[in-house]
Amino acid sequence: MKNIIVTNNKYVCEKYKDNVEIKYDEKFTYLDVLEYVRDQIHKGHKLMTHPLSGSVKPNETPYKTIIISKDKSSMDYDSLMIIEDSIATAKKFIKNKPTPNWTEKVLADFRIIDLSLIENVMDKII
């Protein structure tokens, strides 16, 4: 597969670690994932999934998974605009209402939601 999964979700990592290149860091916040992806776009990677996919707001869930291209080329300005807008949106939501200190059960539910969003994409690109 010619893509890289960037995530802070251990469920995504566990499911795809043997089949896909993964950048996984459990210490990453939602915003850290977006900023890491932005840095990769500056290096020539391209967004393969939208950073704000799904209906869960950036200040509701701590988990985010994004797929970027493995191959690098010249910087993709469309990807850069999308990720920069996504970072600004996430910051706005988080500033207005920070992510709650969820229980482990709720966190597990958010991991499942994030995994489900990526599974739908992976089924189409594998």
Protein backbone atom coordinates (compact mmCIF):
# COMPACT_ATOMS: atom_id res chain seq x y z
CA MET A 1 0.00 0.00 0.00
CA LYS A 2 1.31 3.42 -0.92
CA ASN A 3 -0.05 5.28 2.09
CA ILE A 4 0.83 6.00 5.72
CA ILE A 5 -1.61 6.02 8.59
CA VAL A 6 -1.00 8.74 11.19
CA THR A 7 -2.87 8.07 14.42
CA ASN A 8 -2.99 8.32 18.18
CA ASN A 9 -5.57 5.52 18.34
CA LYS A 10 -4.22 2.18 19.56
CA TYR A 11 -7.15 0.30 17.98
CA VAL A 12 -6.15 1.58 14.53
CA CYS A 13 -2.51 0.73 15.16
CA GLU A 14 -3.35 -2.78 16.35
CA LYS A 15 -5.58 -3.49 13.34
CA TYR A 16 -3.28 -2.19 10.59
CA LYS A 17 0.28 -2.38 11.97
CA ASP A 18 1.12 -5.56 10.03
CA ASN A 19 -0.21 -4.35 6.68
CA VAL A 20 0.36 -0.60 6.46
CA GLU A 21 3.08 1.83 7.44
CA ILE A 22 1.89 3.59 10.58
CA LYS A 23 3.04 6.62 12.53
CA TYR A 24 1.47 5.92 15.92
CA ASP A 25 2.04 7.94 19.05
CA GLU A 26 -0.33 7.42 21.95
CA LYS A 27 0.91 10.67 23.51
CA PHE A 28 -0.27 12.71 20.53
CA THR A 29 -3.32 14.87 21.12
CA TYR A 30 -5.89 15.42 18.38
CA LEU A 31 -4.09 18.65 17.51
CA ASP A 32 -0.67 16.92 17.56
CA VAL A 33 -1.89 14.50 14.87
CA LEU A 34 -3.03 17.40 12.69
CA GLU A 35 0.23 19.29 13.17
CA TYR A 36 2.33 16.19 12.45
CA VAL A 37 0.39 15.68 9.21
CA ARG A 38 0.91 19.35 8.31
CA ASP A 39 4.66 18.88 8.77
CA GLN A 40 4.56 15.83 6.49
CA ILE A 41 2.68 17.79 3.83
CA HIS A 42 5.48 20.36 3.93
CA LYS A 43 7.85 17.47 3.17
CA GLY A 44 5.85 16.49 0.07
CA HIS A 45 3.24 14.02 1.32
CA LYS A 46 -0.40 14.46 0.27
CA LEU A 47 -3.62 14.08 2.24
CA MET A 48 -5.53 10.93 1.34
CA THR A 49 -8.33 11.44 3.90
CA HIS A 50 -9.88 14.64 5.15
CA PRO A 51 -8.57 15.66 8.60
CA LEU A 52 -12.05 16.53 9.89
CA SER A 53 -13.89 13.47 8.60
CA GLY A 54 -16.80 12.18 10.64
CA SER A 55 -19.31 13.98 12.78
CA VAL A 56 -17.36 13.99 16.07
CA LYS A 57 -16.06 17.47 16.84
CA PRO A 58 -12.34 18.03 17.55
CA ASN A 59 -13.07 19.01 21.15
CA GLU A 60 -15.20 15.92 21.82
CA THR A 61 -12.72 13.17 21.00
CA PRO A 62 -9.02 12.89 21.72
CA TYR A 63 -8.49 10.46 18.79
CA LYS A 64 -7.68 11.20 15.19
CA THR A 65 -6.50 9.09 12.31
CA ILE A 66 -5.45 10.51 8.95
CA ILE A 67 -4.05 8.78 5.89
CA ILE A 68 -1.32 10.49 3.88
CA SER A 69 0.55 9.41 0.76
CA LYS A 70 3.73 7.43 1.25
CA ASP A 71 5.28 8.91 -1.88
CA LYS A 72 6.56 12.45 -1.77
CA SER A 73 6.54 15.02 -4.52
CA SER A 74 6.35 18.78 -4.60
CA MET A 75 4.22 20.27 -1.86
CA ASP A 76 0.51 19.81 -2.52
CA TYR A 77 -1.06 23.20 -1.85
CA ASP A 78 -4.61 21.79 -1.69
CA SER A 79 -3.51 19.40 1.08
CA LEU A 80 -1.76 22.26 2.85
CA MET A 81 -4.85 24.50 2.72
CA ILE A 82 -7.07 21.69 4.03
CA ILE A 83 -4.77 20.80 6.92
CA GLU A 84 -4.20 24.45 7.90
CA ASP A 85 -7.96 25.10 7.88
CA SER A 86 -8.49 21.91 9.91
CA ILE A 87 -5.92 22.99 12.50
CA ALA A 88 -7.57 26.41 12.83
CA THR A 89 -10.99 24.78 13.22
CA ALA A 90 -9.73 22.31 15.83
CA LYS A 91 -8.05 25.10 17.81
CA LYS A 92 -11.26 27.12 17.75
CA PHE A 93 -13.35 24.21 19.06
CA ILE A 94 -10.79 23.26 21.72
CA LYS A 95 -10.41 26.87 22.89
CA ASN A 96 -14.17 27.34 23.22
CA LYS A 97 -14.71 24.04 25.05
CA PRO A 98 -11.75 21.78 25.91
CA THR A 99 -12.04 18.02 25.51
CA PRO A 100 -13.54 16.54 28.69
CA ASN A 101 -11.71 14.06 30.90
CA TRP A 102 -13.63 11.07 29.59
CA THR A 103 -13.92 7.73 31.38
CA GLU A 104 -12.10 4.77 29.86
CA LYS A 105 -15.40 3.39 28.57
CA VAL A 106 -16.14 6.61 26.68
CA LEU A 107 -12.55 6.74 25.37
CA ALA A 108 -12.95 3.18 24.07
CA ASP A 109 -16.12 4.26 22.26
CA PHE A 110 -14.26 7.16 20.63
CA ARG A 111 -11.46 4.77 19.56
CA ILE A 112 -14.07 2.53 17.93
CA ILE A 113 -15.65 5.49 16.10
CA ASP A 114 -12.25 6.63 14.80
CA LEU A 115 -11.36 3.08 13.74
CA SER A 116 -14.70 2.70 11.97
CA LEU A 117 -14.09 5.86 9.92
CA ILE A 118 -10.72 4.56 8.73
CA GLU A 119 -12.01 1.02 8.09
CA ASN A 120 -14.50 2.47 5.60
CA VAL A 121 -11.66 4.15 3.72
CA MET A 122 -9.27 1.20 3.98
CA ASP A 123 -11.88 -1.13 2.51
CA LYS A 124 -11.91 1.09 -0.59
CA ILE A 125 -8.18 1.62 -1.07
CA ILE A 126 -6.78 -1.83 -0.28
